[in-house]
Protein backbone atom coordinates (compact mmCIF):
# COMPACT_ATOMS: atom_id res chain seq x y z
CA UNK A 1 -50.64 -44.77 19.82
CA UNK A 2 -52.59 -43.48 22.73
CA UNK A 3 -54.13 -40.08 21.79
CA UNK A 4 -53.21 -38.70 25.20
CA UNK A 5 -49.55 -39.68 24.67
CA UNK A 6 -49.56 -38.03 21.26
CA UNK A 7 -50.93 -34.85 22.79
CA UNK A 8 -48.26 -34.86 25.51
CA UNK A 9 -45.46 -35.37 23.01
CA UNK A 10 -46.85 -32.53 20.85
CA UNK A 11 -46.96 -30.14 23.81
CA UNK A 12 -43.35 -31.00 24.67
CA UNK A 13 -42.16 -30.59 21.07
CA UNK A 14 -43.74 -27.16 20.41
CA UNK A 15 -41.48 -25.08 22.73
CA UNK A 16 -38.41 -26.92 21.45
CA UNK A 17 -39.25 -26.02 17.85
CA UNK A 18 -40.08 -22.43 18.75
CA UNK A 19 -36.74 -22.03 20.52
CA UNK A 20 -34.75 -23.08 17.46
CA UNK A 21 -33.65 -20.24 15.13
CA UNK A 22 -35.14 -20.56 11.63
CA UNK A 23 -32.46 -21.63 9.15
CA UNK A 24 -32.42 -19.29 6.13
CA UNK A 25 -30.73 -19.58 2.75
CA UNK A 26 -28.20 -17.05 3.99
CA UNK A 27 -27.29 -19.39 6.86
CA UNK A 28 -26.83 -22.28 4.50
CA UNK A 29 -24.53 -20.20 2.29
CA UNK A 30 -22.51 -18.99 5.25
CA UNK A 31 -22.21 -22.49 6.68
CA UNK A 32 -20.97 -23.81 3.38
CA UNK A 33 -18.55 -21.02 2.56
CA UNK A 34 -17.51 -19.42 5.85
CA UNK A 35 -15.62 -20.95 8.74
CA UNK A 36 -14.61 -19.75 12.17
CA UNK A 37 -11.27 -20.57 13.73
CA UNK A 38 -9.31 -19.80 16.89
CA UNK A 39 -12.43 -19.69 19.07
CA UNK A 40 -14.28 -17.46 16.58
CA UNK A 41 -11.49 -14.88 16.53
CA UNK A 42 -11.12 -15.38 12.76
CA UNK A 43 -13.95 -15.56 10.22
CA UNK A 44 -12.80 -16.77 6.80
CA UNK A 45 -15.27 -16.60 3.87
CA UNK A 46 -14.56 -17.92 0.37
CA UNK A 47 -16.53 -17.49 -2.88
CA UNK A 48 -19.56 -15.66 -1.52
CA UNK A 49 -22.03 -14.52 -4.14
CA UNK A 50 -22.56 -11.09 -2.57
CA UNK A 51 -20.92 -9.43 0.40
CA UNK A 52 -23.37 -6.87 1.74
CA UNK A 53 -24.41 -5.59 5.16
CA UNK A 54 -26.09 -8.91 6.08
CA UNK A 55 -22.62 -10.33 6.70
CA UNK A 56 -22.61 -8.38 9.97
CA UNK A 57 -24.99 -10.95 11.47
CA UNK A 58 -22.13 -13.45 11.53
CA UNK A 59 -19.48 -11.22 13.12
CA UNK A 60 -19.30 -12.18 16.79
CA UNK A 61 -18.04 -10.19 19.75
CA UNK A 62 -14.91 -12.36 19.62
CA UNK A 63 -14.14 -11.88 15.92
CA UNK A 64 -10.94 -9.91 15.39
CA UNK A 65 -9.96 -10.91 11.84
CA UNK A 66 -12.25 -11.05 8.79
CA UNK A 67 -11.00 -12.62 5.54
CA UNK A 68 -13.10 -12.45 2.34
CA UNK A 69 -11.64 -14.24 -0.68
CA UNK A 70 -12.86 -14.72 -4.26
CA UNK A 71 -16.26 -13.09 -3.78
CA UNK A 72 -18.34 -12.34 -6.86
CA UNK A 73 -19.58 -8.98 -5.58
CA UNK A 74 -18.49 -6.79 -2.67
CA UNK A 75 -20.49 -3.65 -1.84
CA UNK A 76 -19.55 -1.48 1.13
CA UNK A 77 -22.15 1.27 1.51
CA UNK A 78 -22.22 3.80 4.32
CA UNK A 79 -24.16 1.40 6.59
CA UNK A 80 -22.26 -1.78 5.81
CA UNK A 81 -20.13 -1.93 8.96
CA UNK A 82 -22.62 -0.50 11.47
CA UNK A 83 -23.05 -3.80 13.35
CA UNK A 84 -21.42 -3.18 16.78
CA UNK A 85 -19.21 -6.26 16.54
CA UNK A 86 -17.31 -4.78 13.59
CA UNK A 87 -15.66 -2.44 16.09
CA UNK A 88 -13.77 -5.46 17.50
CA UNK A 89 -11.95 -6.15 14.22
CA UNK A 90 -8.23 -5.41 14.08
CA UNK A 91 -7.54 -7.08 10.70
CA UNK A 92 -9.56 -7.03 7.48
CA UNK A 93 -8.73 -8.70 4.16
CA UNK A 94 -10.67 -8.63 0.87
CA UNK A 95 -8.92 -10.53 -1.94
CA UNK A 96 -9.73 -11.19 -5.61
CA UNK A 97 -13.29 -9.89 -5.84
CA UNK A 98 -14.85 -9.83 -9.30
CA UNK A 99 -16.80 -6.67 -8.47
CA UNK A 100 -15.77 -4.25 -5.73
CA UNK A 101 -17.44 -0.98 -4.71
CA UNK A 102 -16.98 1.30 -1.70
CA UNK A 103 -19.12 4.36 -1.04
CA UNK A 104 -17.66 7.33 0.86
CA UNK A 105 -18.04 6.36 4.51
CA UNK A 106 -18.14 2.68 3.58
CA UNK A 107 -15.56 1.89 6.27
CA UNK A 108 -17.41 3.65 9.12
CA UNK A 109 -17.57 1.31 12.11
CA UNK A 110 -14.05 -0.12 11.69
CA UNK A 111 -12.46 2.25 14.17
CA UNK A 112 -10.04 -0.37 15.60
CA UNK A 113 -8.80 -2.02 12.40
CA UNK A 114 -5.01 -1.76 12.24
CA UNK A 115 -4.24 -3.92 9.20
CA UNK A 116 -6.23 -3.86 5.96
CA UNK A 117 -5.48 -5.69 2.72
CA UNK A 118 -7.70 -4.93 -0.29
CA UNK A 119 -5.68 -6.81 -2.90
CA UNK A 120 -6.44 -8.17 -6.38
CA UNK A 121 -9.92 -6.63 -6.70
CA UNK A 122 -11.54 -4.77 -9.60
CA UNK A 123 -11.18 -1.26 -8.16
CA UNK A 124 -10.07 1.49 -10.54
CA UNK A 125 -10.37 4.78 -8.64
CA UNK A 126 -9.87 5.76 -5.00
CA UNK A 127 -12.51 8.42 -4.41
CA UNK A 128 -12.21 11.21 -1.85
CA UNK A 129 -12.84 10.32 1.81
CA UNK A 130 -13.22 6.58 1.14
CA UNK A 131 -11.13 5.62 4.18
CA UNK A 132 -12.62 8.07 6.69
CA UNK A 133 -13.41 6.14 9.86
CA UNK A 134 -10.27 3.98 9.87
CA UNK A 135 -8.65 6.04 12.57
CA UNK A 136 -6.46 3.18 13.91
CA UNK A 137 -5.22 1.86 10.56
CA UNK A 138 -1.44 1.43 10.32
CA UNK A 139 -0.99 -0.87 7.28
CA UNK A 140 -2.97 -0.54 4.03
CA UNK A 141 -2.30 -2.82 1.05
CA UNK A 142 -4.07 -1.79 -2.17
CA UNK A 143 -1.85 -3.77 -4.51
CA UNK A 144 -3.03 -5.25 -7.82
CA UNK A 145 -6.42 -3.53 -7.91
CA UNK A 146 -6.27 -1.95 -11.40
CA UNK A 147 -6.27 1.50 -9.78
CA UNK A 148 -5.78 4.21 -12.39
CA UNK A 149 -6.57 7.38 -10.49
CA UNK A 150 -5.87 8.87 -7.08
CA UNK A 151 -7.68 11.98 -5.92
CA UNK A 152 -6.49 14.80 -3.68
CA UNK A 153 -8.45 13.51 -0.69
CA UNK A 154 -8.20 9.77 -1.40
CA UNK A 155 -6.36 9.05 1.86
CA UNK A 156 -8.12 11.47 4.19
CA UNK A 157 -8.71 10.08 7.67
CA UNK A 158 -5.67 7.78 7.76
CA UNK A 159 -3.78 9.81 10.32
CA UNK A 160 -1.99 6.80 11.87
CA UNK A 161 -1.04 5.03 8.64
CA UNK A 162 2.58 3.85 8.55
CA UNK A 163 2.70 1.60 5.47
CA UNK A 164 0.89 2.18 2.15
CA UNK A 165 1.22 -0.26 -0.75
CA UNK A 166 -0.07 0.89 -4.17
CA UNK A 167 2.06 -1.48 -6.20
CA UNK A 168 0.92 -3.41 -9.29
CA UNK A 169 -1.78 -0.99 -10.38
CA UNK A 170 -2.13 1.38 -13.37
CA UNK A 171 -1.40 4.74 -11.73
CA UNK A 172 0.04 7.32 -14.15
CA UNK A 173 0.02 10.44 -11.95
CA UNK A 174 0.70 11.14 -8.28
CA UNK A 175 -1.46 14.23 -7.81
CA UNK A 176 -0.69 17.29 -5.72
CA UNK A 177 -1.41 17.03 -1.97
CA UNK A 178 -2.64 13.43 -2.19
CA UNK A 179 -0.58 12.38 0.86
CA UNK A 180 -0.87 15.63 2.80
CA UNK A 181 -2.58 14.05 5.86
CA UNK A 182 -0.25 11.04 6.13
CA UNK A 183 2.17 12.59 8.59
CA UNK A 184 3.10 9.23 10.18
CA UNK A 185 3.63 7.29 6.94
CA UNK A 186 7.02 5.53 6.96
CA UNK A 187 7.00 3.45 3.76
CA UNK A 188 5.31 4.02 0.40
CA UNK A 189 5.24 1.52 -2.49
CA UNK A 190 4.23 2.75 -5.95
CA UNK A 191 6.28 0.19 -7.88
CA UNK A 192 4.98 -1.64 -10.96
CA UNK A 193 2.57 1.06 -12.13
CA UNK A 194 2.48 3.30 -15.22
CA UNK A 195 3.77 6.33 -13.35
CA UNK A 196 4.88 9.23 -15.56
CA UNK A 197 4.22 12.35 -13.49
CA UNK A 198 4.82 13.44 -9.91
CA UNK A 199 2.88 16.67 -9.60
CA UNK A 200 3.98 19.69 -7.59
CA UNK A 201 3.60 19.10 -3.84
CA UNK A 202 2.71 15.45 -4.40
CA UNK A 203 4.92 14.46 -1.45
CA UNK A 204 3.82 17.28 0.83
CA UNK A 205 2.90 15.95 4.27
CA UNK A 206 5.18 12.91 4.23
CA UNK A 207 7.29 14.18 7.11
CA UNK A 208 8.04 10.70 8.47
CA UNK A 209 8.62 8.80 5.22
CA UNK A 210 11.89 6.85 5.22
CA UNK A 211 11.32 4.36 2.35
CA UNK A 212 10.01 5.22 -1.14
CA UNK A 213 9.76 2.59 -3.88
CA UNK A 214 9.06 3.76 -7.45
CA UNK A 215 10.51 0.74 -9.25
CA UNK A 216 9.35 -0.28 -12.73
CA UNK A 217 7.48 2.82 -13.88
CA UNK A 218 7.86 5.40 -16.68
CA UNK A 219 9.37 8.39 -14.86
CA UNK A 220 11.63 10.47 -17.10
CA UNK A 221 13.25 12.69 -14.47
CA UNK A 222 13.62 13.32 -10.76
CA UNK A 223 12.70 16.84 -9.72
CA UNK A 224 14.71 17.67 -6.62
CA UNK A 225 12.18 20.37 -5.64
CA UNK A 226 9.62 17.66 -4.98
CA UNK A 227 11.82 14.90 -3.57
CA UNK A 228 13.56 17.33 -1.19
CA UNK A 229 10.29 17.61 0.73
CA UNK A 230 10.99 14.09 2.06
CA UNK A 231 13.22 15.28 4.90
CA UNK A 232 13.50 11.87 6.60
CA UNK A 233 13.90 9.70 3.51
CA UNK A 234 16.58 7.01 3.95
CA UNK A 235 15.92 4.69 1.00
CA UNK A 236 14.94 5.82 -2.52
CA UNK A 237 14.46 3.10 -5.15
CA UNK A 238 13.60 4.25 -8.69
CA UNK A 239 15.08 1.32 -10.60
CA UNK A 240 13.68 0.37 -14.03
CA UNK A 241 12.27 3.72 -15.12
CA UNK A 242 13.15 6.03 -18.03
CA UNK A 243 14.95 8.65 -15.96
CA UNK A 244 17.22 10.82 -18.10
CA UNK A 245 18.20 13.45 -15.54
CA UNK A 246 18.05 14.64 -11.95
CA UNK A 247 16.89 18.23 -11.97
CA UNK A 248 18.56 20.47 -9.39
CA UNK A 249 20.37 19.39 -6.23
CA UNK A 250 19.13 16.55 -4.08
CA UNK A 251 19.16 17.69 -0.46
CA UNK A 252 18.05 14.60 1.41
CA UNK A 253 20.03 14.85 4.61
CA UNK A 254 19.15 11.34 5.83
CA UNK A 255 19.32 9.43 2.54
CA UNK A 256 21.49 6.30 2.84
CA UNK A 257 20.53 4.19 -0.18
CA UNK A 258 19.97 5.57 -3.69
CA UNK A 259 18.99 3.05 -6.39
CA UNK A 260 18.67 4.23 -10.01
CA UNK A 261 19.72 1.15 -11.96
CA UNK A 262 18.28 0.43 -15.43
CA UNK A 263 17.42 4.00 -16.35
CA UNK A 264 18.59 6.40 -19.09
CA UNK A 265 20.86 8.76 -17.14
CA UNK A 266 23.53 10.21 -19.43
CA UNK A 267 25.17 12.64 -17.01
CA UNK A 268 25.35 13.76 -13.39
CA UNK A 269 25.94 17.37 -12.39
CA UNK A 270 28.90 17.82 -10.05
CA UNK A 271 26.75 19.05 -7.15
CA UNK A 272 23.66 16.90 -7.70
CA UNK A 273 24.20 14.97 -4.43
CA UNK A 274 25.57 17.86 -2.41
CA UNK A 275 22.91 17.54 0.28
CA UNK A 276 23.07 13.76 0.71
CA UNK A 277 25.97 13.42 3.11
CA UNK A 278 24.66 10.24 4.76
CA UNK A 279 24.74 8.19 1.55
CA UNK A 280 26.23 4.72 2.05
CA UNK A 281 25.29 3.10 -1.26
CA UNK A 282 24.59 4.44 -4.77
CA UNK A 283 23.55 2.14 -7.63
CA UNK A 284 23.74 3.74 -11.09
CA UNK A 285 24.31 0.54 -13.02
CA UNK A 286 22.94 0.02 -16.54
CA UNK A 287 22.43 3.67 -17.46
CA UNK A 288 23.99 5.70 -20.29
CA UNK A 289 26.65 7.52 -18.30
CA UNK A 290 29.80 8.37 -20.23
CA UNK A 291 31.97 11.34 -19.25
CA UNK A 292 31.53 10.78 -15.52
CA UNK A 293 34.16 11.70 -12.95
CA UNK A 294 34.29 11.23 -9.20
CA UNK A 295 33.30 14.87 -8.50
CA UNK A 296 29.59 14.18 -7.76
CA UNK A 297 30.66 11.71 -5.06
CA UNK A 298 33.68 13.33 -3.40
CA UNK A 299 31.68 15.07 -0.69
CA UNK A 300 29.99 11.80 0.28
CA UNK A 301 32.38 10.91 3.07
CA UNK A 302 30.29 7.92 4.22
CA UNK A 303 29.93 6.34 0.78
CA UNK A 304 31.02 2.69 0.81
CA UNK A 305 29.48 1.24 -2.35
CA UNK A 306 29.13 2.70 -5.85
CA UNK A 307 27.83 0.59 -8.72
CA UNK A 308 28.59 1.93 -12.21
CA UNK A 309 28.36 -1.37 -14.05
CA UNK A 310 26.89 -1.17 -17.56
CA UNK A 311 27.99 2.42 -18.23
CA UNK A 312 30.83 3.73 -20.37
CA UNK A 313 32.79 5.20 -17.46
CA UNK A 314 36.55 5.68 -17.25
CA UNK A 315 37.46 4.06 -13.93
CA UNK A 316 40.78 5.94 -14.00
CA UNK A 317 38.86 9.12 -13.20
CA UNK A 318 38.09 7.72 -9.71
CA UNK A 319 41.60 7.69 -8.26
CA UNK A 320 40.59 9.28 -4.94
CA UNK A 321 37.21 7.68 -4.41
CA UNK A 322 38.35 4.11 -5.03
CA UNK A 323 40.34 4.21 -1.80
CA UNK A 324 37.20 5.04 0.14
CA UNK A 325 34.50 2.92 -1.48
CA UNK A 326 33.97 -0.31 -3.40
CA UNK A 327 33.33 0.67 -6.99
CA UNK A 328 31.71 -1.77 -9.40
CA UNK A 329 32.44 -0.98 -13.06
CA UNK A 330 32.78 -2.70 -16.43
């Protein structure tokens, strides 16, 4: 080949090479395990070795949803989400990580995220101030994370949160004041845990809560002093616990559905539901009730359904109520 031609081709090729971004091992990994969809609005990554702050290089100005599944190690330190494009995210999902760690402030930079699902990870304790910075978050799913402990300030900074799911963990205690900043929370799921204790003022701050699910735990009683703080509660489900008694008088003026099936209740005080005048449905099936009369229910003028199946109750003692409501019995 003519030496002059070779020289010309070389001079043309140099700027082309220099303009091409160097391909790193990180690029190769991302290209193999991460994909964009919907015009880069969604970034979906599967089986990454390590999720650290370098992931921010691949978040574009268009990316609104980030999904991380089956990662070996996820580490969110205080600088993890400082890349400006993280502020465009509205949805964030981290599922089934083998190792998961978040430092306080680890979610700084996610100011517009509204939906977050951290599900199925190895995460045993929610430290104080972990979620500070998520000022737009409305839905938080922390289900199936092996969480054992909540701290007093675990949910600080979540002032707009409406739905919190803590189900399928190993929580034994709901500590005092843990929800005190969640004034807009509407639904709370603590079902399928190891819950034994609801500490004093545990529900303080839940002024907007209308749905509480405590199904399949180890609660032995309901303390009306604590539950009566839930002024807007409409649906209380505490099925499949070990509840033996309701202490005091429930005064839940907006409660419509009360579910206490598969517990160990052996009696109900005559005035235990005196402050629940909006009740439509009460399920007390499969307890240990015996000498029960209609007195606890007579003031419930809106009651339409009462399930007493699986108890040793004399249906003849419900002569007045059976004209008002459907009563399920043995």
